[in-house]
Amino acid sequence: MGHGTVDHAPVYPREVVRRALELSASAIILVHNHPSGVPTPSPADVDMTRQIVEAARPMRIAIHDHLVVGRDGVASFKALGLM
């Protein structure tokens, strides 16, 4: 879990994978919120998800989905065809 500011939360793929390895996870679901209330994934969200998927692949850790939570609902990367 990470914490950010009003408009940015730093995410480091190596830290996400490190935590999954610490927990002996074989798969993870990424989730974050958009304080704006609009759950539409940003280009930065899409890029970061791609980086995490690529970092996890050699460790055989599957990324099942990435959910973006907003006041107007939840967006699923998988349902949107973004992964």
PDB file of N, CA and C in Angstrom:
ATOM      1  N   MET A   1       0.845  -1.180   0.000  1.00  0.00           N
ATOM      2  CA  MET A   1       0.000   0.000   0.000  1.00  0.00           C
ATOM      3  C   MET A   1       0.884   1.234   0.000  1.00  0.00           C
ATOM      4  N   GLY A   2       0.463   2.215  -0.747  1.00  0.00           N
ATOM      5  CA  GLY A   2       1.219   3.449  -0.811  1.00  0.00           C
ATOM      6  C   GLY A   2       0.330   4.646  -0.559  1.00  0.00           C
ATOM      7  N   HIS A   3       0.950   5.746  -0.270  1.00  0.00           N
ATOM      8  CA  HIS A   3       0.229   6.992  -0.031  1.00  0.00           C
ATOM      9  C   HIS A   3       0.775   8.042  -0.977  1.00  0.00           C
ATOM     10  N   GLY A   4      -0.080   8.924  -1.406  1.00  0.00           N
ATOM     11  CA  GLY A   4       0.343   9.969  -2.328  1.00  0.00           C
ATOM     12  C   GLY A   4      -0.201  11.313  -1.921  1.00  0.00           C
ATOM     13  N   THR A   5      -0.131  12.241  -2.856  1.00  0.00           N
ATOM     14  CA  THR A   5      -0.658  13.578  -2.639  1.00  0.00           C
ATOM     15  C   THR A   5      -2.018  13.670  -3.322  1.00  0.00           C
ATOM     16  N   VAL A   6      -2.508  14.855  -3.437  1.00  0.00           N
ATOM     17  CA  VAL A   6      -3.811  15.050  -4.066  1.00  0.00           C
ATOM     18  C   VAL A   6      -3.820  14.613  -5.525  1.00  0.00           C
ATOM     19  N   ASP A   7      -2.689  14.791  -6.218  1.00  0.00           N
ATOM     20  CA  ASP A   7      -2.685  14.487  -7.649  1.00  0.00           C
ATOM     21  C   ASP A   7      -1.582  13.521  -8.096  1.00  0.00           C
ATOM     22  N   HIS A   8      -0.907  12.866  -7.154  1.00  0.00           N
ATOM     23  CA  HIS A   8       0.168  11.958  -7.545  1.00  0.00           C
ATOM     24  C   HIS A   8       0.480  10.977  -6.414  1.00  0.00           C
ATOM     25  N   ALA A   9       0.722   9.742  -6.794  1.00  0.00           N
ATOM     26  CA  ALA A   9       1.174   8.724  -5.841  1.00  0.00           C
ATOM     27  C   ALA A   9       2.315   7.960  -6.494  1.00  0.00           C
ATOM     28  N   PRO A  10       3.523   8.088  -5.966  1.00  0.00           N
ATOM     29  CA  PRO A  10       4.635   7.368  -6.575  1.00  0.00           C
ATOM     30  C   PRO A  10       4.473   5.860  -6.406  1.00  0.00           C
ATOM     31  N   VAL A  11       4.684   5.133  -7.490  1.00  0.00           N
ATOM     32  CA  VAL A  11       4.595   3.680  -7.477  1.00  0.00           C
ATOM     33  C   VAL A  11       5.857   3.150  -8.140  1.00  0.00           C
ATOM     34  N   TYR A  12       6.513   2.223  -7.473  1.00  0.00           N
ATOM     35  CA  TYR A  12       7.732   1.640  -7.997  1.00  0.00           C
ATOM     36  C   TYR A  12       7.484   0.157  -8.254  1.00  0.00           C
ATOM     37  N   PRO A  13       7.522  -0.272  -9.514  1.00  0.00           N
ATOM     38  CA  PRO A  13       7.236  -1.672  -9.837  1.00  0.00           C
ATOM     39  C   PRO A  13       8.034  -2.656  -8.987  1.00  0.00           C
ATOM     40  N   ARG A  14       9.300  -2.361  -8.726  1.00  0.00           N
ATOM     41  CA  ARG A  14      10.123  -3.288  -7.928  1.00  0.00           C
ATOM     42  C   ARG A  14       9.570  -3.446  -6.518  1.00  0.00           C
ATOM     43  N   GLU A  15       9.000  -2.372  -5.970  1.00  0.00           N
ATOM     44  CA  GLU A  15       8.430  -2.445  -4.615  1.00  0.00           C
ATOM     45  C   GLU A  15       7.136  -3.246  -4.601  1.00  0.00           C
ATOM     46  N   VAL A  16       6.352  -3.126  -5.657  1.00  0.00           N
ATOM     47  CA  VAL A  16       5.120  -3.916  -5.765  1.00  0.00           C
ATOM     48  C   VAL A  16       5.476  -5.398  -5.844  1.00  0.00           C
ATOM     49  N   VAL A  17       6.439  -5.735  -6.692  1.00  0.00           N
ATOM     50  CA  VAL A  17       6.854  -7.132  -6.843  1.00  0.00           C
ATOM     51  C   VAL A  17       7.523  -7.637  -5.562  1.00  0.00           C
ATOM     52  N   ARG A  18       8.337  -6.797  -4.927  1.00  0.00           N
ATOM     53  CA  ARG A  18       8.990  -7.193  -3.670  1.00  0.00           C
ATOM     54  C   ARG A  18       7.957  -7.575  -2.618  1.00  0.00           C
ATOM     55  N   ARG A  19       6.909  -6.763  -2.495  1.00  0.00           N
ATOM     56  CA  ARG A  19       5.863  -7.049  -1.496  1.00  0.00           C
ATOM     57  C   ARG A  19       5.122  -8.333  -1.846  1.00  0.00           C
ATOM     58  N   ALA A  20       4.845  -8.558  -3.114  1.00  0.00           N
ATOM     59  CA  ALA A  20       4.179  -9.797  -3.536  1.00  0.00           C
ATOM     60  C   ALA A  20       5.046 -11.001  -3.178  1.00  0.00           C
ATOM     61  N   LEU A  21       6.360 -10.888  -3.382  1.00  0.00           N
ATOM     62  CA  LEU A  21       7.271 -11.978  -3.039  1.00  0.00           C
ATOM     63  C   LEU A  21       7.315 -12.204  -1.531  1.00  0.00           C
ATOM     64  N   GLU A  22       7.313 -11.124  -0.757  1.00  0.00           N
ATOM     65  CA  GLU A  22       7.301 -11.250   0.713  1.00  0.00           C
ATOM     66  C   GLU A  22       6.083 -12.029   1.192  1.00  0.00           C
ATOM     67  N   LEU A  23       4.973 -11.847   0.502  1.00  0.00           N
ATOM     68  CA  LEU A  23       3.722 -12.511   0.881  1.00  0.00           C
ATOM     69  C   LEU A  23       3.540 -13.857   0.188  1.00  0.00           C
ATOM     70  N   SER A  24       4.532 -14.260  -0.591  1.00  0.00           N
ATOM     71  CA  SER A  24       4.459 -15.508  -1.363  1.00  0.00           C
ATOM     72  C   SER A  24       3.243 -15.533  -2.277  1.00  0.00           C
ATOM     73  N   ALA A  25       2.900 -14.378  -2.816  1.00  0.00           N
ATOM     74  CA  ALA A  25       1.735 -14.262  -3.701  1.00  0.00           C
ATOM     75  C   ALA A  25       2.071 -14.805  -5.085  1.00  0.00           C
ATOM     76  N   SER A  26       1.133 -15.519  -5.665  1.00  0.00           N
ATOM     77  CA  SER A  26       1.302 -15.978  -7.045  1.00  0.00           C
ATOM     78  C   SER A  26       0.546 -15.067  -8.009  1.00  0.00           C
ATOM     79  N   ALA A  27      -0.295 -14.187  -7.464  1.00  0.00           N
ATOM     80  CA  ALA A  27      -1.056 -13.244  -8.279  1.00  0.00           C
ATOM     81  C   ALA A  27      -1.473 -12.066  -7.402  1.00  0.00           C
ATOM     82  N   ILE A  28      -1.689 -10.920  -8.043  1.00  0.00           N
ATOM     83  CA  ILE A  28      -2.157  -9.744  -7.315  1.00  0.00           C
ATOM     84  C   ILE A  28      -3.190  -8.992  -8.150  1.00  0.00           C
ATOM     85  N   ILE A  29      -3.961  -8.184  -7.463  1.00  0.00           N
ATOM     86  CA  ILE A  29      -4.891  -7.252  -8.099  1.00  0.00           C
ATOM     87  C   ILE A  29      -4.474  -5.870  -7.616  1.00  0.00           C
ATOM     88  N   LEU A  30      -4.195  -4.989  -8.540  1.00  0.00           N
ATOM     89  CA  LEU A  30      -3.815  -3.613  -8.211  1.00  0.00           C
ATOM     90  C   LEU A  30      -5.082  -2.786  -8.048  1.00  0.00           C
ATOM     91  N   VAL A  31      -5.096  -1.883  -7.068  1.00  0.00           N
ATOM     92  CA  VAL A  31      -6.253  -1.012  -6.832  1.00  0.00           C
ATOM     93  C   VAL A  31      -5.738   0.345  -6.391  1.00  0.00           C
ATOM     94  N   HIS A  32      -6.300   1.391  -6.959  1.00  0.00           N
ATOM     95  CA  HIS A  32      -6.033   2.733  -6.451  1.00  0.00           C
ATOM     96  C   HIS A  32      -7.252   3.605  -6.706  1.00  0.00           C
ATOM     97  N   ASN A  33      -7.277   4.754  -6.031  1.00  0.00           N
ATOM     98  CA  ASN A  33      -8.416   5.653  -6.201  1.00  0.00           C
ATOM     99  C   ASN A  33      -8.013   6.900  -6.965  1.00  0.00           C
ATOM    100  N   HIS A  34      -9.000   7.538  -7.542  1.00  0.00           N
ATOM    101  CA  HIS A  34      -8.823   8.840  -8.174  1.00  0.00           C
ATOM    102  C   HIS A  34      -9.617   9.845  -7.340  1.00  0.00           C
ATOM    103  N   PRO A  35      -8.937  10.713  -6.613  1.00  0.00           N
ATOM    104  CA  PRO A  35      -9.643  11.695  -5.789  1.00  0.00           C
ATOM    105  C   PRO A  35     -10.588  12.592  -6.580  1.00  0.00           C
ATOM    106  N   SER A  36     -10.360  12.710  -7.890  1.00  0.00           N
ATOM    107  CA  SER A  36     -11.248  13.529  -8.718  1.00  0.00           C
ATOM    108  C   SER A  36     -12.652  12.930  -8.766  1.00  0.00           C
ATOM    109  N   GLY A  37     -12.758  11.633  -8.463  1.00  0.00           N
ATOM    110  CA  GLY A  37     -14.044  10.958  -8.516  1.00  0.00           C
ATOM    111  C   GLY A  37     -14.292  10.251  -9.823  1.00  0.00           C
ATOM    112  N   VAL A  38     -13.498  10.544 -10.836  1.00  0.00           N
ATOM    113  CA  VAL A  38     -13.662   9.929 -12.156  1.00  0.00           C
ATOM    114  C   VAL A  38     -12.726   8.721 -12.235  1.00  0.00           C
ATOM    115  N   PRO A  39     -13.258   7.505 -12.410  1.00  0.00           N
ATOM    116  CA  PRO A  39     -12.413   6.321 -12.387  1.00  0.00           C
ATOM    117  C   PRO A  39     -11.685   5.989 -13.688  1.00  0.00           C
ATOM    118  N   THR A  40     -11.828   6.815 -14.705  1.00  0.00           N
ATOM    119  CA  THR A  40     -11.174   6.540 -15.984  1.00  0.00           C
ATOM    120  C   THR A  40      -9.654   6.495 -15.808  1.00  0.00           C
ATOM    121  N   PRO A  41      -8.997   5.389 -16.236  1.00  0.00           N
ATOM    122  CA  PRO A  41      -7.549   5.290 -16.101  1.00  0.00           C
ATOM    123  C   PRO A  41      -6.823   6.351 -16.929  1.00  0.00           C
ATOM    124  N   SER A  42      -5.797   6.928 -16.331  1.00  0.00           N
ATOM    125  CA  SER A  42      -4.988   7.928 -17.037  1.00  0.00           C
ATOM    126  C   SER A  42      -3.898   7.223 -17.840  1.00  0.00           C
ATOM    127  N   PRO A  43      -3.279   7.927 -18.778  1.00  0.00           N
ATOM    128  CA  PRO A  43      -2.141   7.329 -19.495  1.00  0.00           C
ATOM    129  C   PRO A  43      -1.035   6.883 -18.535  1.00  0.00           C
ATOM    130  N   ALA A  44      -0.819   7.633 -17.458  1.00  0.00           N
ATOM    131  CA  ALA A  44       0.189   7.243 -16.464  1.00  0.00           C
ATOM    132  C   ALA A  44      -0.217   5.947 -15.760  1.00  0.00           C
ATOM    133  N   ASP A  45      -1.514   5.771 -15.495  1.00  0.00           N
ATOM    134  CA  ASP A  45      -2.012   4.530 -14.890  1.00  0.00           C
ATOM    135  C   ASP A  45      -1.729   3.345 -15.805  1.00  0.00           C
ATOM    136  N   VAL A  46      -2.002   3.521 -17.079  1.00  0.00           N
ATOM    137  CA  VAL A  46      -1.800   2.452 -18.064  1.00  0.00           C
ATOM    138  C   VAL A  46      -0.317   2.098 -18.158  1.00  0.00           C
ATOM    139  N   ASP A  47       0.543   3.116 -18.209  1.00  0.00           N
ATOM    140  CA  ASP A  47       1.981   2.878 -18.304  1.00  0.00           C
ATOM    141  C   ASP A  47       2.503   2.171 -17.051  1.00  0.00           C
ATOM    142  N   MET A  48       2.093   2.614 -15.878  1.00  0.00           N
ATOM    143  CA  MET A  48       2.563   2.002 -14.639  1.00  0.00           C
ATOM    144  C   MET A  48       2.100   0.556 -14.543  1.00  0.00           C
ATOM    145  N   THR A  49       0.890   0.285 -14.960  1.00  0.00           N
ATOM    146  CA  THR A  49       0.385  -1.090 -14.940  1.00  0.00           C
ATOM    147  C   THR A  49       1.227  -1.977 -15.846  1.00  0.00           C
ATOM    148  N   ARG A  50       1.553  -1.477 -17.030  1.00  0.00           N
ATOM    149  CA  ARG A  50       2.396  -2.227 -17.960  1.00  0.00           C
ATOM    150  C   ARG A  50       3.752  -2.526 -17.334  1.00  0.00           C
ATOM    151  N   GLN A  51       4.329  -1.537 -16.659  1.00  0.00           N
ATOM    152  CA  GLN A  51       5.629  -1.730 -16.010  1.00  0.00           C
ATOM    153  C   GLN A  51       5.561  -2.780 -14.900  1.00  0.00           C
ATOM    154  N   ILE A  52       4.487  -2.774 -14.128  1.00  0.00           N
ATOM    155  CA  ILE A  52       4.339  -3.750 -13.049  1.00  0.00           C
ATOM    156  C   ILE A  52       4.143  -5.152 -13.618  1.00  0.00           C
ATOM    157  N   VAL A  53       3.330  -5.279 -14.655  1.00  0.00           N
ATOM    158  CA  VAL A  53       3.114  -6.581 -15.301  1.00  0.00           C
ATOM    159  C   VAL A  53       4.448  -7.127 -15.812  1.00  0.00           C
ATOM    160  N   GLU A  54       5.233  -6.281 -16.455  1.00  0.00           N
ATOM    161  CA  GLU A  54       6.528  -6.715 -16.992  1.00  0.00           C
ATOM    162  C   GLU A  54       7.505  -7.095 -15.881  1.00  0.00           C
ATOM    163  N   ALA A  55       7.495  -6.356 -14.766  1.00  0.00           N
ATOM    164  CA  ALA A  55       8.396  -6.657 -13.648  1.00  0.00           C
ATOM    165  C   ALA A  55       8.000  -7.949 -12.945  1.00  0.00           C
ATOM    166  N   ALA A  56       6.720  -8.233 -12.889  1.00  0.00           N
ATOM    167  CA  ALA A  56       6.230  -9.421 -12.193  1.00  0.00           C
ATOM    168  C   ALA A  56       6.366 -10.698 -13.021  1.00  0.00           C
ATOM    169  N   ARG A  57       6.355 -10.557 -14.339  1.00  0.00           N
ATOM    170  CA  ARG A  57       6.370 -11.718 -15.243  1.00  0.00           C
ATOM    171  C   ARG A  57       7.523 -12.694 -14.965  1.00  0.00           C
ATOM    172  N   PRO A  58       8.782 -12.243 -14.848  1.00  0.00           N
ATOM    173  CA  PRO A  58       9.871 -13.209 -14.611  1.00  0.00           C
ATOM    174  C   PRO A  58       9.743 -13.963 -13.287  1.00  0.00           C
ATOM    175  N   MET A  59       9.002 -13.381 -12.343  1.00  0.00           N
ATOM    176  CA  MET A  59       8.797 -14.023 -11.044  1.00  0.00           C
ATOM    177  C   MET A  59       7.552 -14.916 -11.036  1.00  0.00           C
ATOM    178  N   ARG A  60       6.909 -14.988 -12.205  1.00  0.00           N
ATOM    179  CA  ARG A  60       5.674 -15.767 -12.358  1.00  0.00           C
ATOM    180  C   ARG A  60       4.562 -15.303 -11.402  1.00  0.00           C
ATOM    181  N   ILE A  61       4.490 -13.984 -11.246  1.00  0.00           N
ATOM    182  CA  ILE A  61       3.412 -13.372 -10.465  1.00  0.00           C
ATOM    183  C   ILE A  61       2.440 -12.770 -11.464  1.00  0.00           C
ATOM    184  N   ALA A  62       1.225 -13.271 -11.462  1.00  0.00           N
ATOM    185  CA  ALA A  62       0.201 -12.785 -12.390  1.00  0.00           C
ATOM    186  C   ALA A  62      -0.456 -11.520 -11.840  1.00  0.00           C
ATOM    187  N   ILE A  63      -0.780 -10.608 -12.724  1.00  0.00           N
ATOM    188  CA  ILE A  63      -1.560  -9.432 -12.355  1.00  0.00           C
ATOM    189  C   ILE A  63      -2.956  -9.672 -12.929  1.00  0.00           C
ATOM    190  N   HIS A  64      -3.909  -9.973 -12.055  1.00  0.00           N
ATOM    191  CA  HIS A  64      -5.259 -10.324 -12.522  1.00  0.00           C
ATOM    192  C   HIS A  64      -6.038  -9.123 -13.040  1.00  0.00           C
ATOM    193  N   ASP A  65      -5.851  -7.960 -12.407  1.00  0.00           N
ATOM    194  CA  ASP A  65      -6.594  -6.772 -12.831  1.00  0.00           C
ATOM    195  C   ASP A  65      -5.991  -5.559 -12.142  1.00  0.00           C
ATOM    196  N   HIS A  66      -6.374  -4.405 -12.604  1.00  0.00           N
ATOM    197  CA  HIS A  66      -6.051  -3.135 -11.957  1.00  0.00           C
ATOM    198  C   HIS A  66      -7.364  -2.363 -11.914  1.00  0.00           C
ATOM    199  N   LEU A  67      -7.802  -2.050 -10.719  1.00  0.00           N
ATOM    200  CA  LEU A  67      -9.065  -1.348 -10.529  1.00  0.00           C
ATOM    201  C   LEU A  67      -8.793   0.092 -10.121  1.00  0.00           C
ATOM    202  N   VAL A  68      -9.523   1.007 -10.727  1.00  0.00           N
ATOM    203  CA  VAL A  68      -9.444   2.414 -10.363  1.00  0.00           C
ATOM    204  C   VAL A  68     -10.791   2.795  -9.767  1.00  0.00           C
ATOM    205  N   VAL A  69     -10.761   3.235  -8.527  1.00  0.00           N
ATOM    206  CA  VAL A  69     -11.988   3.559  -7.797  1.00  0.00           C
ATOM    207  C   VAL A  69     -12.205   5.064  -7.818  1.00  0.00           C
ATOM    208  N   GLY A  70     -13.407   5.456  -8.144  1.00  0.00           N
ATOM    209  CA  GLY A  70     -13.786   6.872  -8.137  1.00  0.00           C
ATOM    210  C   GLY A  70     -15.189   7.015  -7.578  1.00  0.00           C
ATOM    211  N   ARG A  71     -15.596   8.217  -7.353  1.00  0.00           N
ATOM    212  CA  ARG A  71     -16.945   8.477  -6.850  1.00  0.00           C
ATOM    213  C   ARG A  71     -18.005   7.960  -7.820  1.00  0.00           C
ATOM    214  N   ASP A  72     -17.668   7.962  -9.129  1.00  0.00           N
ATOM    215  CA  ASP A  72     -18.616   7.556 -10.161  1.00  0.00           C
ATOM    216  C   ASP A  72     -18.555   6.067 -10.480  1.00  0.00           C
ATOM    217  N   GLY A  73     -17.854   5.279  -9.664  1.00  0.00           N
ATOM    218  CA  GLY A  73     -17.787   3.850  -9.908  1.00  0.00           C
ATOM    219  C   GLY A  73     -16.364   3.322  -9.919  1.00  0.00           C
ATOM    220  N   VAL A  74     -16.201   2.169 -10.525  1.00  0.00           N
ATOM    221  CA  VAL A  74     -14.901   1.490 -10.585  1.00  0.00           C
ATOM    222  C   VAL A  74     -14.608   1.125 -12.039  1.00  0.00           C
ATOM    223  N   ALA A  75     -13.383   1.378 -12.460  1.00  0.00           N
ATOM    224  CA  ALA A  75     -12.940   0.988 -13.805  1.00  0.00           C
ATOM    225  C   ALA A  75     -11.987  -0.192 -13.668  1.00  0.00           C
ATOM    226  N   SER A  76     -12.215  -1.215 -14.471  1.00  0.00           N
ATOM    227  CA  SER A  76     -11.376  -2.408 -14.492  1.00  0.00           C
ATOM    228  C   SER A  76     -10.529  -2.393 -15.758  1.00  0.00           C
ATOM    229  N   PHE A  77      -9.223  -2.459 -15.593  1.00  0.00           N
ATOM    230  CA  PHE A  77      -8.332  -2.515 -16.758  1.00  0.00           C
ATOM    231  C   PHE A  77      -8.664  -3.724 -17.613  1.00  0.00           C
ATOM    232  N   LYS A  78      -8.946  -4.849 -16.972  1.00  0.00           N
ATOM    233  CA  LYS A  78      -9.246  -6.079 -17.711  1.00  0.00           C
ATOM    234  C   LYS A  78     -10.517  -5.887 -18.546  1.00  0.00           C
ATOM    235  N   ALA A  79     -11.567  -5.344 -17.931  1.00  0.00           N
ATOM    236  CA  ALA A  79     -12.833  -5.140 -18.645  1.00  0.00           C
ATOM    237  C   ALA A  79     -12.686  -4.125 -19.777  1.00  0.00           C
ATOM    238  N   LEU A  80     -11.775  -3.152 -19.589  1.00  0.00           N
ATOM    239  CA  LEU A  80     -11.564  -2.123 -20.613  1.00  0.00           C
ATOM    240  C   LEU A  80     -10.597  -2.576 -21.698  1.00  0.00           C
ATOM    241  N   GLY A  81     -10.063  -3.787 -21.565  1.00  0.00           N
ATOM    242  CA  GLY A  81      -9.119  -4.303 -22.553  1.00  0.00           C
ATOM    243  C   GLY A  81      -7.746  -3.669 -22.455  1.00  0.00           C
ATOM    244  N   LEU A  82      -7.399  -3.132 -21.302  1.00  0.00           N
ATOM    245  CA  LEU A  82      -6.123  -2.472 -21.126  1.00  0.00           C
ATOM    246  C   LEU A  82      -5.032  -3.415 -20.622  1.00  0.00           C
ATOM    247  N   MET A  83      -5.411  -4.659 -20.374  1.00  0.00           N
ATOM    248  CA  MET A  83      -4.424  -5.664 -19.969  1.00  0.00           C
ATOM    249  C   MET A  83      -4.909  -7.046 -20.306  1.00  0.00           C
TER     250      MET A  83
END
